[in-house]
């Protein structure tokens, strides 16, 4: 049966001489793998295979059968045309971080509508964002992905609760008896980031490159504490080098 759905390309692997196997986070079916034939030959039609670049948002018509691990695509085209994301090295690196985080956290082929809409919008925002919005977007994106996956930070930073306990996921009055917590500065910044309702607000949150780096690694540790299958990511060191952040 054919279905229309949007999807975000996460990963592309060459298959055979002319085909691709593509991992796509779809609006309707969550994470899915598709085989796409005939898009790597010398024929002009094969140039359409370039549309399966990680981060691209596609409009798809797909065959879907619950019992299959590998689905097929009937039709595909760009659902959104990026102006700078694929050409600006900073934005492209931020996008690759976002895509890798989705790859590492989405394991089951189940619908995540709110997360899908958030991720699609975040990529569109990144395309037009300026610094420091782009530099702070990975922090915001990471916290929000965790929230949509079910481990939201509870409480608020205040003079009475100045420490964020990452193991328990809430703000507390004194440092806990373990290493998985943020100091008052990091806790206050995290609260400010998590309270943003619009990406433009990220531009008002000032921090130096070392603080931004430490926060991102702390958030990824938060993921490891709450997602046992979460494995180390490759993109953060590259992200920090490119952002100088």
C-alpha atoms as a PDB file:
ATOM      1  CA  UNK A   1       0.000   0.000   0.000  1.00  0.00           C
ATOM      2  CA  UNK A   2       1.269   3.477  -0.899  1.00  0.00           C
ATOM      3  CA  UNK A   3       1.577   6.292   1.632  1.00  0.00           C
ATOM      4  CA  UNK A   4       2.632   9.946   1.372  1.00  0.00           C
ATOM      5  CA  UNK A   5       5.002  11.117   4.068  1.00  0.00           C
ATOM      6  CA  UNK A   6       7.793  13.602   4.652  1.00  0.00           C
ATOM      7  CA  UNK A   7      11.125  12.345   5.890  1.00  0.00           C
ATOM      8  CA  UNK A   8      14.577  13.486   7.013  1.00  0.00           C
ATOM      9  CA  UNK A   9      17.500  11.599   5.497  1.00  0.00           C
ATOM     10  CA  UNK A  10      19.786  10.275   8.231  1.00  0.00           C
ATOM     11  CA  UNK A  11      22.199   7.935   6.464  1.00  0.00           C
ATOM     12  CA  UNK A  12      22.945   6.643   2.977  1.00  0.00           C
ATOM     13  CA  UNK A  13      24.877   3.472   2.123  1.00  0.00           C
ATOM     14  CA  UNK A  14      25.838   2.278  -1.353  1.00  0.00           C
ATOM     15  CA  UNK A  15      24.255  -1.035  -2.325  1.00  0.00           C
ATOM     16  CA  UNK A  16      25.332  -2.981  -5.382  1.00  0.00           C
ATOM     17  CA  UNK A  17      26.387  -1.061  -8.484  1.00  0.00           C
ATOM     18  CA  UNK A  18      23.497   1.373  -8.814  1.00  0.00           C
ATOM     19  CA  UNK A  19      21.428   1.347  -5.636  1.00  0.00           C
ATOM     20  CA  UNK A  20      21.304   2.920  -2.187  1.00  0.00           C
ATOM     21  CA  UNK A  21      19.997   1.840   1.175  1.00  0.00           C
ATOM     22  CA  UNK A  22      18.743   4.944   2.941  1.00  0.00           C
ATOM     23  CA  UNK A  23      17.839   5.429   6.588  1.00  0.00           C
ATOM     24  CA  UNK A  24      15.069   8.034   6.878  1.00  0.00           C
ATOM     25  CA  UNK A  25      13.249   9.470   9.888  1.00  0.00           C
ATOM     26  CA  UNK A  26       9.740   9.648   8.478  1.00  0.00           C
ATOM     27  CA  UNK A  27       6.750  11.612   9.667  1.00  0.00           C
ATOM     28  CA  UNK A  28       4.330   8.664   9.497  1.00  0.00           C
ATOM     29  CA  UNK A  29       6.437   5.639  10.344  1.00  0.00           C
ATOM     30  CA  UNK A  30       9.393   6.907  12.359  1.00  0.00           C
ATOM     31  CA  UNK A  31      12.767   5.406  11.505  1.00  0.00           C
ATOM     32  CA  UNK A  32      12.675   3.366   8.294  1.00  0.00           C
ATOM     33  CA  UNK A  33      15.173   1.838   5.872  1.00  0.00           C
ATOM     34  CA  UNK A  34      14.533   2.016   2.130  1.00  0.00           C
ATOM     35  CA  UNK A  35      16.233   0.497  -0.888  1.00  0.00           C
ATOM     36  CA  UNK A  36      16.379   2.892  -3.838  1.00  0.00           C
ATOM     37  CA  UNK A  37      17.351   1.322  -7.146  1.00  0.00           C
ATOM     38  CA  UNK A  38      19.032   2.876 -10.164  1.00  0.00           C
ATOM     39  CA  UNK A  39      20.188   6.141  -8.616  1.00  0.00           C
ATOM     40  CA  UNK A  40      23.952   5.629  -8.945  1.00  0.00           C
ATOM     41  CA  UNK A  41      24.347   4.905 -12.672  1.00  0.00           C
ATOM     42  CA  UNK A  42      25.703   7.282 -15.315  1.00  0.00           C
ATOM     43  CA  UNK A  43      22.218   8.040 -16.585  1.00  0.00           C
ATOM     44  CA  UNK A  44      20.873  11.590 -15.995  1.00  0.00           C
ATOM     45  CA  UNK A  45      18.041  10.177 -13.904  1.00  0.00           C
ATOM     46  CA  UNK A  46      20.592   8.809 -11.462  1.00  0.00           C
ATOM     47  CA  UNK A  47      21.601  12.330 -10.412  1.00  0.00           C
ATOM     48  CA  UNK A  48      18.449  12.313  -8.288  1.00  0.00           C
ATOM     49  CA  UNK A  49      20.378  10.100  -5.897  1.00  0.00           C
ATOM     50  CA  UNK A  50      21.998  13.304  -4.638  1.00  0.00           C
ATOM     51  CA  UNK A  51      18.691  14.161  -3.018  1.00  0.00           C
ATOM     52  CA  UNK A  52      19.450  11.497  -0.401  1.00  0.00           C
ATOM     53  CA  UNK A  53      22.050  13.689   1.254  1.00  0.00           C
ATOM     54  CA  UNK A  54      21.899  13.462   5.072  1.00  0.00           C
ATOM     55  CA  UNK A  55      19.809  16.300   6.467  1.00  0.00           C
ATOM     56  CA  UNK A  56      17.632  16.712   3.384  1.00  0.00           C
ATOM     57  CA  UNK A  57      13.887  16.895   3.935  1.00  0.00           C
ATOM     58  CA  UNK A  58      12.047  14.853   1.321  1.00  0.00           C
ATOM     59  CA  UNK A  59       8.472  14.405   0.193  1.00  0.00           C
ATOM     60  CA  UNK A  60       8.025  10.673  -0.278  1.00  0.00           C
ATOM     61  CA  UNK A  61       5.524   8.208  -1.647  1.00  0.00           C
ATOM     62  CA  UNK A  62       6.463   4.887  -0.085  1.00  0.00           C
ATOM     63  CA  UNK A  63       5.380   1.280   0.066  1.00  0.00           C
ATOM     64  CA  UNK A  64       4.972   0.199   3.676  1.00  0.00           C
ATOM     65  CA  UNK A  65       4.555  -3.263   5.113  1.00  0.00           C
ATOM     66  CA  UNK A  66       4.887  -3.701   8.872  1.00  0.00           C
ATOM     67  CA  UNK A  67       6.554  -7.098   8.579  1.00  0.00           C
ATOM     68  CA  UNK A  68       9.398  -5.824   6.378  1.00  0.00           C
ATOM     69  CA  UNK A  69      12.648  -4.303   7.627  1.00  0.00           C
ATOM     70  CA  UNK A  70      13.514  -2.869   4.215  1.00  0.00           C
ATOM     71  CA  UNK A  71      10.874  -0.806   2.423  1.00  0.00           C
ATOM     72  CA  UNK A  72      10.719   0.725  -1.052  1.00  0.00           C
ATOM     73  CA  UNK A  73      10.163   4.265  -2.312  1.00  0.00           C
ATOM     74  CA  UNK A  74       7.832   4.893  -5.231  1.00  0.00           C
ATOM     75  CA  UNK A  75       8.421   8.656  -5.620  1.00  0.00           C
ATOM     76  CA  UNK A  76      10.637  11.235  -3.971  1.00  0.00           C
ATOM     77  CA  UNK A  77      11.457  14.926  -4.274  1.00  0.00           C
ATOM     78  CA  UNK A  78      12.829  17.697  -2.096  1.00  0.00           C
ATOM     79  CA  UNK A  79      10.334  18.872   0.484  1.00  0.00           C
ATOM     80  CA  UNK A  80      12.434  21.899   1.400  1.00  0.00           C
ATOM     81  CA  UNK A  81      15.282  23.647  -0.410  1.00  0.00           C
ATOM     82  CA  UNK A  82      18.117  24.720   1.881  1.00  0.00           C
ATOM     83  CA  UNK A  83      19.904  27.928   0.962  1.00  0.00           C
ATOM     84  CA  UNK A  84      23.049  27.578   3.066  1.00  0.00           C
ATOM     85  CA  UNK A  85      22.939  24.465   5.246  1.00  0.00           C
ATOM     86  CA  UNK A  86      24.875  22.221   2.852  1.00  0.00           C
ATOM     87  CA  UNK A  87      27.351  24.929   1.802  1.00  0.00           C
ATOM     88  CA  UNK A  88      28.175  26.719   5.058  1.00  0.00           C
ATOM     89  CA  UNK A  89      30.721  24.614   6.952  1.00  0.00           C
ATOM     90  CA  UNK A  90      29.494  25.723  10.386  1.00  0.00           C
ATOM     91  CA  UNK A  91      25.823  25.025   9.646  1.00  0.00           C
ATOM     92  CA  UNK A  92      26.632  21.762   7.889  1.00  0.00           C
ATOM     93  CA  UNK A  93      28.630  20.547  10.890  1.00  0.00           C
ATOM     94  CA  UNK A  94      25.808  21.488  13.279  1.00  0.00           C
ATOM     95  CA  UNK A  95      23.352  19.646  11.024  1.00  0.00           C
ATOM     96  CA  UNK A  96      25.543  16.529  10.968  1.00  0.00           C
ATOM     97  CA  UNK A  97      25.620  16.570  14.772  1.00  0.00           C
ATOM     98  CA  UNK A  98      21.821  16.796  14.865  1.00  0.00           C
ATOM     99  CA  UNK A  99      21.493  13.968  12.356  1.00  0.00           C
ATOM    100  CA  UNK A 100      23.927  11.745  14.273  1.00  0.00           C
ATOM    101  CA  UNK A 101      22.022  12.351  17.519  1.00  0.00           C
ATOM    102  CA  UNK A 102      18.808  11.208  15.825  1.00  0.00           C
ATOM    103  CA  UNK A 103      20.619   8.156  14.453  1.00  0.00           C
ATOM    104  CA  UNK A 104      21.906   7.218  17.915  1.00  0.00           C
ATOM    105  CA  UNK A 105      18.561   7.664  19.666  1.00  0.00           C
ATOM    106  CA  UNK A 106      15.998   6.393  17.153  1.00  0.00           C
ATOM    107  CA  UNK A 107      16.173   2.607  17.208  1.00  0.00           C
ATOM    108  CA  UNK A 108      12.629   1.368  16.676  1.00  0.00           C
ATOM    109  CA  UNK A 109      10.379   1.917  13.616  1.00  0.00           C
ATOM    110  CA  UNK A 110       7.685   3.762  15.528  1.00  0.00           C
ATOM    111  CA  UNK A 111       6.027   7.105  14.920  1.00  0.00           C
ATOM    112  CA  UNK A 112       7.412  10.123  16.836  1.00  0.00           C
ATOM    113  CA  UNK A 113       5.312  12.949  15.434  1.00  0.00           C
ATOM    114  CA  UNK A 114       6.333  15.707  17.848  1.00  0.00           C
ATOM    115  CA  UNK A 115      10.017  14.832  17.591  1.00  0.00           C
ATOM    116  CA  UNK A 116       9.774  14.666  13.804  1.00  0.00           C
ATOM    117  CA  UNK A 117       8.177  18.110  13.509  1.00  0.00           C
ATOM    118  CA  UNK A 118      10.697  19.555  15.952  1.00  0.00           C
ATOM    119  CA  UNK A 119      13.681  18.075  14.071  1.00  0.00           C
ATOM    120  CA  UNK A 120      12.384  19.230  10.684  1.00  0.00           C
ATOM    121  CA  UNK A 121      11.826  22.754  11.985  1.00  0.00           C
ATOM    122  CA  UNK A 122      15.247  22.839  13.682  1.00  0.00           C
ATOM    123  CA  UNK A 123      16.970  22.093  10.374  1.00  0.00           C
ATOM    124  CA  UNK A 124      14.991  24.863   8.667  1.00  0.00           C
ATOM    125  CA  UNK A 125      15.887  27.289  11.468  1.00  0.00           C
ATOM    126  CA  UNK A 126      19.556  26.353  11.181  1.00  0.00           C
ATOM    127  CA  UNK A 127      19.497  27.168   7.469  1.00  0.00           C
ATOM    128  CA  UNK A 128      18.790  30.849   8.173  1.00  0.00           C
ATOM    129  CA  UNK A 129      20.388  31.161  11.635  1.00  0.00           C
ATOM    130  CA  UNK A 130      23.307  33.427  12.457  1.00  0.00           C
ATOM    131  CA  UNK A 131      25.823  33.089  15.276  1.00  0.00           C
ATOM    132  CA  UNK A 132      25.427  32.617  18.218  1.00  0.00           C
ATOM    133  CA  UNK A 133      22.059  30.969  17.484  1.00  0.00           C
ATOM    134  CA  UNK A 134      23.750  28.305  15.344  1.00  0.00           C
ATOM    135  CA  UNK A 135      26.397  27.705  18.027  1.00  0.00           C
ATOM    136  CA  UNK A 136      23.784  27.237  20.767  1.00  0.00           C
ATOM    137  CA  UNK A 137      21.402  25.178  18.643  1.00  0.00           C
ATOM    138  CA  UNK A 138      23.129  21.809  19.348  1.00  0.00           C
ATOM    139  CA  UNK A 139      22.582  22.352  23.085  1.00  0.00           C
ATOM    140  CA  UNK A 140      18.918  23.257  22.606  1.00  0.00           C
ATOM    141  CA  UNK A 141      18.384  20.400  20.142  1.00  0.00           C
ATOM    142  CA  UNK A 142      19.946  17.843  22.490  1.00  0.00           C
ATOM    143  CA  UNK A 143      17.799  18.846  25.459  1.00  0.00           C
ATOM    144  CA  UNK A 144      14.632  18.826  23.358  1.00  0.00           C
ATOM    145  CA  UNK A 145      15.347  15.423  21.794  1.00  0.00           C
ATOM    146  CA  UNK A 146      15.738  14.028  25.310  1.00  0.00           C
ATOM    147  CA  UNK A 147      12.451  15.640  26.301  1.00  0.00           C
ATOM    148  CA  UNK A 148      10.586  14.125  23.353  1.00  0.00           C
ATOM    149  CA  UNK A 149      12.079  10.715  24.141  1.00  0.00           C
ATOM    150  CA  UNK A 150      10.728  10.872  27.672  1.00  0.00           C
ATOM    151  CA  UNK A 151      13.470  12.155  29.948  1.00  0.00           C
ATOM    152  CA  UNK A 152      12.646  15.783  30.511  1.00  0.00           C
ATOM    153  CA  UNK A 153      14.493  17.878  33.076  1.00  0.00           C
ATOM    154  CA  UNK A 154      12.248  18.675  36.028  1.00  0.00           C
ATOM    155  CA  UNK A 155      12.131  21.818  38.131  1.00  0.00           C
ATOM    156  CA  UNK A 156      13.855  25.143  37.584  1.00  0.00           C
ATOM    157  CA  UNK A 157      17.148  26.741  38.499  1.00  0.00           C
ATOM    158  CA  UNK A 158      16.961  29.133  41.450  1.00  0.00           C
ATOM    159  CA  UNK A 159      19.104  30.313  44.348  1.00  0.00           C
ATOM    160  CA  UNK A 160      17.506  27.494  46.339  1.00  0.00           C
ATOM    161  CA  UNK A 161      18.035  24.816  43.641  1.00  0.00           C
ATOM    162  CA  UNK A 162      21.315  25.777  41.947  1.00  0.00           C
ATOM    163  CA  UNK A 163      22.537  22.289  40.964  1.00  0.00           C
ATOM    164  CA  UNK A 164      21.225  20.130  38.128  1.00  0.00           C
ATOM    165  CA  UNK A 165      21.371  16.440  38.998  1.00  0.00           C
ATOM    166  CA  UNK A 166      21.719  14.709  35.635  1.00  0.00           C
ATOM    167  CA  UNK A 167      21.247  11.258  37.121  1.00  0.00           C
ATOM    168  CA  UNK A 168      17.852  12.121  38.618  1.00  0.00           C
ATOM    169  CA  UNK A 169      16.972  14.772  36.032  1.00  0.00           C
ATOM    170  CA  UNK A 170      16.033  17.648  38.322  1.00  0.00           C
ATOM    171  CA  UNK A 171      17.396  20.735  40.068  1.00  0.00           C
ATOM    172  CA  UNK A 172      18.431  20.355  43.703  1.00  0.00           C
ATOM    173  CA  UNK A 173      19.707  22.455  46.619  1.00  0.00           C
ATOM    174  CA  UNK A 174      23.090  20.758  47.238  1.00  0.00           C
ATOM    175  CA  UNK A 175      25.593  18.875  45.052  1.00  0.00           C
ATOM    176  CA  UNK A 176      24.650  15.160  44.919  1.00  0.00           C
ATOM    177  CA  UNK A 177      27.013  12.402  46.054  1.00  0.00           C
ATOM    178  CA  UNK A 178      27.975  11.486  42.487  1.00  0.00           C
ATOM    179  CA  UNK A 179      29.749  13.177  39.588  1.00  0.00           C
ATOM    180  CA  UNK A 180      26.768  13.451  37.238  1.00  0.00           C
ATOM    181  CA  UNK A 181      25.696  17.000  37.970  1.00  0.00           C
ATOM    182  CA  UNK A 182      26.224  20.567  36.759  1.00  0.00           C
ATOM    183  CA  UNK A 183      27.643  23.467  38.743  1.00  0.00           C
ATOM    184  CA  UNK A 184      25.446  26.542  39.342  1.00  0.00           C
ATOM    185  CA  UNK A 185      26.633  28.345  36.196  1.00  0.00           C
ATOM    186  CA  UNK A 186      26.021  25.343  33.969  1.00  0.00           C
ATOM    187  CA  UNK A 187      22.701  24.693  35.695  1.00  0.00           C
ATOM    188  CA  UNK A 188      21.526  28.262  35.147  1.00  0.00           C
ATOM    189  CA  UNK A 189      22.537  28.181  31.481  1.00  0.00           C
ATOM    190  CA  UNK A 190      20.772  24.851  30.995  1.00  0.00           C
ATOM    191  CA  UNK A 191      17.598  26.243  32.523  1.00  0.00           C
ATOM    192  CA  UNK A 192      17.780  29.263  30.202  1.00  0.00           C
ATOM    193  CA  UNK A 193      18.273  27.030  27.144  1.00  0.00           C
ATOM    194  CA  UNK A 194      15.468  24.648  28.067  1.00  0.00           C
ATOM    195  CA  UNK A 195      13.046  27.536  28.588  1.00  0.00           C
ATOM    196  CA  UNK A 196      13.530  28.893  25.048  1.00  0.00           C
ATOM    197  CA  UNK A 197      10.386  28.566  22.959  1.00  0.00           C
ATOM    198  CA  UNK A 198      11.884  30.108  19.833  1.00  0.00           C
ATOM    199  CA  UNK A 199      15.327  29.587  18.328  1.00  0.00           C
ATOM    200  CA  UNK A 200      15.846  33.350  18.130  1.00  0.00           C
ATOM    201  CA  UNK A 201      15.977  33.382  21.941  1.00  0.00           C
ATOM    202  CA  UNK A 202      19.129  31.254  21.816  1.00  0.00           C
ATOM    203  CA  UNK A 203      20.994  34.302  20.560  1.00  0.00           C
ATOM    204  CA  UNK A 204      20.478  35.984  23.939  1.00  0.00           C
ATOM    205  CA  UNK A 205      22.303  33.240  25.848  1.00  0.00           C
ATOM    206  CA  UNK A 206      25.988  34.130  26.071  1.00  0.00           C
ATOM    207  CA  UNK A 207      28.686  31.646  27.022  1.00  0.00           C
ATOM    208  CA  UNK A 208      32.312  31.013  26.126  1.00  0.00           C
ATOM    209  CA  UNK A 209      33.478  28.126  23.966  1.00  0.00           C
ATOM    210  CA  UNK A 210      34.710  26.024  26.891  1.00  0.00           C
ATOM    211  CA  UNK A 211      31.402  26.300  28.734  1.00  0.00           C
ATOM    212  CA  UNK A 212      29.497  25.344  25.596  1.00  0.00           C
ATOM    213  CA  UNK A 213      31.748  22.325  25.086  1.00  0.00           C
ATOM    214  CA  UNK A 214      31.344  21.144  28.685  1.00  0.00           C
ATOM    215  CA  UNK A 215      27.581  21.527  28.551  1.00  0.00           C
ATOM    216  CA  UNK A 216      27.235  19.494  25.377  1.00  0.00           C
ATOM    217  CA  UNK A 217      29.267  16.620  26.803  1.00  0.00           C
ATOM    218  CA  UNK A 218      27.233  16.813  30.025  1.00  0.00           C
ATOM    219  CA  UNK A 219      23.992  16.549  28.030  1.00  0.00           C
ATOM    220  CA  UNK A 220      25.338  13.534  26.161  1.00  0.00           C
ATOM    221  CA  UNK A 221      26.232  11.970  29.506  1.00  0.00           C
ATOM    222  CA  UNK A 222      22.617  12.649  30.510  1.00  0.00           C
ATOM    223  CA  UNK A 223      21.574  10.584  27.476  1.00  0.00           C
ATOM    224  CA  UNK A 224      23.892   7.735  28.452  1.00  0.00           C
ATOM    225  CA  UNK A 225      22.415   7.698  31.952  1.00  0.00           C
ATOM    226  CA  UNK A 226      18.865   7.389  30.623  1.00  0.00           C
ATOM    227  CA  UNK A 227      19.376   5.428  27.398  1.00  0.00           C
ATOM    228  CA  UNK A 228      21.496   2.329  28.140  1.00  0.00           C
ATOM    229  CA  UNK A 229      21.961   1.627  24.413  1.00  0.00           C
ATOM    230  CA  UNK A 230      23.247   5.154  23.688  1.00  0.00           C
ATOM    231  CA  UNK A 231      26.799   4.937  22.335  1.00  0.00           C
ATOM    232  CA  UNK A 232      29.543   7.496  21.916  1.00  0.00           C
ATOM    233  CA  UNK A 233      29.056  10.031  19.150  1.00  0.00           C
ATOM    234  CA  UNK A 234      31.732  10.927  16.597  1.00  0.00           C
ATOM    235  CA  UNK A 235      30.632  14.445  15.647  1.00  0.00           C
ATOM    236  CA  UNK A 236      31.083  16.511  18.871  1.00  0.00           C
ATOM    237  CA  UNK A 237      34.898  16.957  18.582  1.00  0.00           C
ATOM    238  CA  UNK A 238      34.475  18.056  14.950  1.00  0.00           C
ATOM    239  CA  UNK A 239      31.626  20.349  15.968  1.00  0.00           C
ATOM    240  CA  UNK A 240      33.761  22.076  18.605  1.00  0.00           C
ATOM    241  CA  UNK A 241      36.680  22.503  16.200  1.00  0.00           C
ATOM    242  CA  UNK A 242      34.491  24.058  13.514  1.00  0.00           C
ATOM    243  CA  UNK A 243      32.539  26.265  15.887  1.00  0.00           C
ATOM    244  CA  UNK A 244      35.627  27.031  17.936  1.00  0.00           C
ATOM    245  CA  UNK A 245      33.025  26.484  20.621  1.00  0.00           C
END
